[in-house]
Amino acid sequence: MGILSWIVVGLIAGWLAGKVMKGGGYGLIGDIVVGVLGGVLGGFIASYFFNMGDPMSGINLPSILIAFGGAVLLLVVVRMLTGRRVFSH
């Protein structure tokens, strides 16, 4: 997957994760970073634990969902480490 694809998938996944997790956002660049790192984390989890061959294969729904799941997991861990609420009301 090319760098532009990673950025687009990361932007979508980071934005979705920010909306689901609520709380203070990280801005456009922060959402992209969270989404791309979430894509890496989600891709690792999908390939290692679920034996998916190429989980991040372009700009498509499975890639976005995997990156979204990884981004949400990443946000949960970061907020646990920083002491912020995981889910705000």
N, C-alpha and C. Protein backbone atom coordinates (compact mmCIF):
# COMPACT_ATOMS: atom_id res chain seq x y z
N MET A 1 0.85 -1.16 0.00
CA MET A 1 0.00 0.00 0.00
C MET A 1 0.90 1.23 0.00
N GLY A 2 0.62 2.18 -0.89
CA GLY A 2 1.44 3.37 -1.01
C GLY A 2 1.20 4.36 0.12
N ILE A 3 2.10 5.33 0.22
CA ILE A 3 2.03 6.31 1.30
C ILE A 3 0.75 7.13 1.23
N LEU A 4 0.29 7.46 0.03
CA LEU A 4 -0.95 8.22 -0.10
C LEU A 4 -2.14 7.40 0.41
N SER A 5 -2.13 6.10 0.12
CA SER A 5 -3.20 5.23 0.62
C SER A 5 -3.17 5.16 2.14
N TRP A 6 -1.98 5.06 2.73
CA TRP A 6 -1.86 5.03 4.19
C TRP A 6 -2.41 6.31 4.80
N ILE A 7 -2.12 7.46 4.16
CA ILE A 7 -2.60 8.73 4.69
C ILE A 7 -4.12 8.82 4.60
N VAL A 8 -4.68 8.42 3.46
CA VAL A 8 -6.14 8.48 3.29
C VAL A 8 -6.84 7.53 4.26
N VAL A 9 -6.37 6.30 4.34
CA VAL A 9 -6.97 5.33 5.28
C VAL A 9 -6.76 5.81 6.71
N GLY A 10 -5.58 6.33 7.01
CA GLY A 10 -5.30 6.85 8.36
C GLY A 10 -6.18 8.02 8.73
N LEU A 11 -6.42 8.92 7.78
CA LEU A 11 -7.29 10.06 8.03
C LEU A 11 -8.71 9.59 8.35
N ILE A 12 -9.22 8.69 7.54
CA ILE A 12 -10.58 8.18 7.76
C ILE A 12 -10.67 7.43 9.08
N ALA A 13 -9.74 6.53 9.32
CA ALA A 13 -9.76 5.72 10.55
C ALA A 13 -9.55 6.58 11.78
N GLY A 14 -8.62 7.52 11.72
CA GLY A 14 -8.37 8.40 12.86
C GLY A 14 -9.55 9.28 13.18
N TRP A 15 -10.20 9.80 12.14
CA TRP A 15 -11.38 10.64 12.34
C TRP A 15 -12.52 9.83 12.96
N LEU A 16 -12.75 8.62 12.42
CA LEU A 16 -13.80 7.76 12.98
C LEU A 16 -13.51 7.39 14.43
N ALA A 17 -12.26 7.04 14.72
CA ALA A 17 -11.89 6.67 16.09
C ALA A 17 -12.07 7.85 17.03
N GLY A 18 -11.71 9.05 16.57
CA GLY A 18 -11.90 10.24 17.39
C GLY A 18 -13.37 10.51 17.68
N LYS A 19 -14.24 10.25 16.71
CA LYS A 19 -15.68 10.44 16.91
C LYS A 19 -16.24 9.40 17.87
N VAL A 20 -15.81 8.17 17.75
CA VAL A 20 -16.31 7.10 18.61
C VAL A 20 -15.81 7.26 20.04
N MET A 21 -14.54 7.62 20.18
CA MET A 21 -13.93 7.71 21.50
C MET A 21 -14.25 9.01 22.21
N LYS A 22 -14.70 10.02 21.49
CA LYS A 22 -15.03 11.35 22.03
C LYS A 22 -13.81 11.96 22.71
N GLY A 23 -14.03 12.91 23.60
CA GLY A 23 -12.94 13.55 24.30
C GLY A 23 -12.22 14.56 23.42
N GLY A 24 -11.15 15.13 23.93
CA GLY A 24 -10.38 16.12 23.19
C GLY A 24 -9.73 15.49 21.97
N GLY A 25 -9.93 16.11 20.82
CA GLY A 25 -9.37 15.59 19.59
C GLY A 25 -7.89 15.92 19.46
N TYR A 26 -7.28 15.38 18.44
CA TYR A 26 -5.87 15.61 18.19
C TYR A 26 -5.64 16.46 16.95
N GLY A 27 -6.70 16.96 16.34
CA GLY A 27 -6.55 17.76 15.13
C GLY A 27 -6.36 16.90 13.90
N LEU A 28 -6.25 17.53 12.75
CA LEU A 28 -6.14 16.80 11.49
C LEU A 28 -4.87 15.95 11.44
N ILE A 29 -3.73 16.53 11.74
CA ILE A 29 -2.47 15.79 11.69
C ILE A 29 -2.46 14.68 12.75
N GLY A 30 -2.95 14.99 13.94
CA GLY A 30 -3.02 13.99 15.00
C GLY A 30 -3.92 12.83 14.63
N ASP A 31 -5.05 13.13 13.99
CA ASP A 31 -5.96 12.06 13.55
C ASP A 31 -5.30 11.18 12.49
N ILE A 32 -4.55 11.80 11.58
CA ILE A 32 -3.84 11.01 10.57
C ILE A 32 -2.81 10.11 11.23
N VAL A 33 -2.05 10.67 12.17
CA VAL A 33 -1.02 9.87 12.86
C VAL A 33 -1.65 8.73 13.63
N VAL A 34 -2.73 9.02 14.37
CA VAL A 34 -3.42 7.97 15.13
C VAL A 34 -3.97 6.91 14.18
N GLY A 35 -4.54 7.35 13.06
CA GLY A 35 -5.09 6.40 12.10
C GLY A 35 -4.02 5.53 11.44
N VAL A 36 -2.90 6.14 11.06
CA VAL A 36 -1.82 5.36 10.43
C VAL A 36 -1.22 4.38 11.44
N LEU A 37 -0.94 4.86 12.65
CA LEU A 37 -0.42 3.95 13.68
C LEU A 37 -1.45 2.88 14.03
N GLY A 38 -2.72 3.25 14.04
CA GLY A 38 -3.79 2.27 14.25
C GLY A 38 -3.84 1.26 13.13
N GLY A 39 -3.59 1.71 11.90
CA GLY A 39 -3.54 0.79 10.77
C GLY A 39 -2.40 -0.21 10.90
N VAL A 40 -1.25 0.28 11.36
CA VAL A 40 -0.11 -0.62 11.58
C VAL A 40 -0.44 -1.62 12.68
N LEU A 41 -0.99 -1.12 13.79
CA LEU A 41 -1.36 -1.99 14.90
C LEU A 41 -2.45 -2.98 14.49
N GLY A 42 -3.49 -2.46 13.84
CA GLY A 42 -4.57 -3.33 13.38
C GLY A 42 -4.11 -4.35 12.35
N GLY A 43 -3.23 -3.92 11.44
CA GLY A 43 -2.68 -4.83 10.44
C GLY A 43 -1.85 -5.93 11.08
N PHE A 44 -1.06 -5.57 12.10
CA PHE A 44 -0.27 -6.58 12.80
C PHE A 44 -1.18 -7.58 13.50
N ILE A 45 -2.19 -7.08 14.21
CA ILE A 45 -3.11 -7.96 14.93
C ILE A 45 -3.85 -8.87 13.96
N ALA A 46 -4.33 -8.30 12.84
CA ALA A 46 -5.09 -9.09 11.86
C ALA A 46 -4.23 -10.16 11.22
N SER A 47 -2.97 -9.84 10.91
CA SER A 47 -2.13 -10.84 10.26
C SER A 47 -1.58 -11.86 11.25
N TYR A 48 -1.24 -11.43 12.45
CA TYR A 48 -0.62 -12.33 13.42
C TYR A 48 -1.65 -13.24 14.09
N PHE A 49 -2.75 -12.67 14.55
CA PHE A 49 -3.72 -13.45 15.31
C PHE A 49 -4.81 -14.09 14.44
N PHE A 50 -5.12 -13.48 13.31
CA PHE A 50 -6.21 -13.99 12.47
C PHE A 50 -5.73 -14.52 11.13
N ASN A 51 -4.41 -14.62 10.94
CA ASN A 51 -3.80 -15.17 9.73
C ASN A 51 -4.32 -14.55 8.44
N MET A 52 -4.55 -13.25 8.44
CA MET A 52 -4.96 -12.56 7.22
C MET A 52 -3.69 -12.28 6.42
N GLY A 53 -3.70 -12.60 5.14
CA GLY A 53 -2.52 -12.45 4.30
C GLY A 53 -2.05 -11.02 4.16
N ASP A 54 -2.90 -10.14 3.65
CA ASP A 54 -2.55 -8.74 3.46
C ASP A 54 -3.73 -7.90 3.95
N PRO A 55 -3.80 -7.65 5.27
CA PRO A 55 -4.98 -6.98 5.81
C PRO A 55 -5.12 -5.53 5.37
N MET A 56 -4.03 -4.85 5.08
CA MET A 56 -4.07 -3.45 4.65
C MET A 56 -3.72 -3.40 3.18
N SER A 57 -4.73 -3.56 2.32
CA SER A 57 -4.47 -3.75 0.89
C SER A 57 -4.96 -2.60 0.01
N GLY A 58 -5.08 -1.41 0.55
CA GLY A 58 -5.50 -0.27 -0.24
C GLY A 58 -6.64 0.47 0.42
N ILE A 59 -7.23 1.38 -0.32
CA ILE A 59 -8.33 2.18 0.22
C ILE A 59 -9.63 1.41 -0.03
N ASN A 60 -10.00 0.60 0.95
CA ASN A 60 -11.22 -0.19 0.86
C ASN A 60 -11.79 -0.38 2.27
N LEU A 61 -12.99 -0.89 2.35
CA LEU A 61 -13.66 -1.02 3.63
C LEU A 61 -12.92 -1.92 4.63
N PRO A 62 -12.42 -3.09 4.22
CA PRO A 62 -11.69 -3.91 5.21
C PRO A 62 -10.46 -3.19 5.77
N SER A 63 -9.72 -2.48 4.93
CA SER A 63 -8.54 -1.75 5.41
C SER A 63 -8.94 -0.66 6.38
N ILE A 64 -10.01 0.06 6.07
CA ILE A 64 -10.47 1.13 6.95
C ILE A 64 -10.95 0.56 8.28
N LEU A 65 -11.67 -0.56 8.25
CA LEU A 65 -12.14 -1.17 9.49
C LEU A 65 -11.00 -1.69 10.35
N ILE A 66 -9.98 -2.27 9.72
CA ILE A 66 -8.82 -2.75 10.47
C ILE A 66 -8.07 -1.58 11.08
N ALA A 67 -7.87 -0.52 10.30
CA ALA A 67 -7.18 0.67 10.82
C ALA A 67 -8.01 1.34 11.92
N PHE A 68 -9.32 1.36 11.75
CA PHE A 68 -10.21 1.93 12.76
C PHE A 68 -10.09 1.16 14.08
N GLY A 69 -10.15 -0.16 14.00
CA GLY A 69 -10.01 -0.98 15.20
C GLY A 69 -8.68 -0.76 15.89
N GLY A 70 -7.62 -0.69 15.10
CA GLY A 70 -6.31 -0.43 15.67
C GLY A 70 -6.22 0.96 16.29
N ALA A 71 -6.84 1.96 15.65
CA ALA A 71 -6.82 3.33 16.16
C ALA A 71 -7.59 3.43 17.48
N VAL A 72 -8.74 2.75 17.56
CA VAL A 72 -9.51 2.75 18.81
C VAL A 72 -8.70 2.09 19.91
N LEU A 73 -8.09 0.96 19.61
CA LEU A 73 -7.25 0.27 20.60
C LEU A 73 -6.09 1.17 21.04
N LEU A 74 -5.47 1.83 20.08
CA LEU A 74 -4.37 2.74 20.39
C LEU A 74 -4.83 3.88 21.28
N LEU A 75 -5.99 4.47 20.98
CA LEU A 75 -6.52 5.56 21.80
C LEU A 75 -6.85 5.09 23.22
N VAL A 76 -7.39 3.89 23.35
CA VAL A 76 -7.69 3.35 24.68
C VAL A 76 -6.40 3.23 25.49
N VAL A 77 -5.36 2.67 24.89
CA VAL A 77 -4.09 2.49 25.59
C VAL A 77 -3.47 3.84 25.95
N VAL A 78 -3.46 4.78 25.00
CA VAL A 78 -2.87 6.10 25.26
C VAL A 78 -3.63 6.81 26.38
N ARG A 79 -4.93 6.75 26.35
CA ARG A 79 -5.71 7.42 27.39
C ARG A 79 -5.57 6.74 28.74
N MET A 80 -5.37 5.44 28.75
CA MET A 80 -5.12 4.75 30.02
C MET A 80 -3.77 5.17 30.59
N LEU A 81 -2.77 5.32 29.72
CA LEU A 81 -1.44 5.70 30.18
C LEU A 81 -1.37 7.16 30.61
N THR A 82 -2.14 8.01 29.96
CA THR A 82 -2.10 9.44 30.31
C THR A 82 -3.10 9.82 31.38
N GLY A 83 -3.97 8.91 31.76
CA GLY A 83 -4.93 9.18 32.82
C GLY A 83 -6.20 9.86 32.35
N ARG A 84 -6.38 10.03 31.05
CA ARG A 84 -7.61 10.63 30.54
C ARG A 84 -8.70 9.58 30.52
N ARG A 85 -9.94 10.04 30.54
CA ARG A 85 -11.05 9.10 30.48
C ARG A 85 -11.02 8.35 29.15
N VAL A 86 -11.33 7.08 29.21
CA VAL A 86 -11.37 6.27 28.01
C VAL A 86 -12.61 6.59 27.21
N PHE A 87 -13.75 6.64 27.83
CA PHE A 87 -15.02 6.98 27.18
C PHE A 87 -15.60 8.16 27.95
N SER A 88 -15.81 9.27 27.29
CA SER A 88 -16.41 10.42 27.97
C SER A 88 -17.92 10.42 27.72
N HIS A 89 -18.63 11.01 28.63
CA HIS A 89 -20.09 11.03 28.54
C HIS A 89 -20.57 12.24 27.83
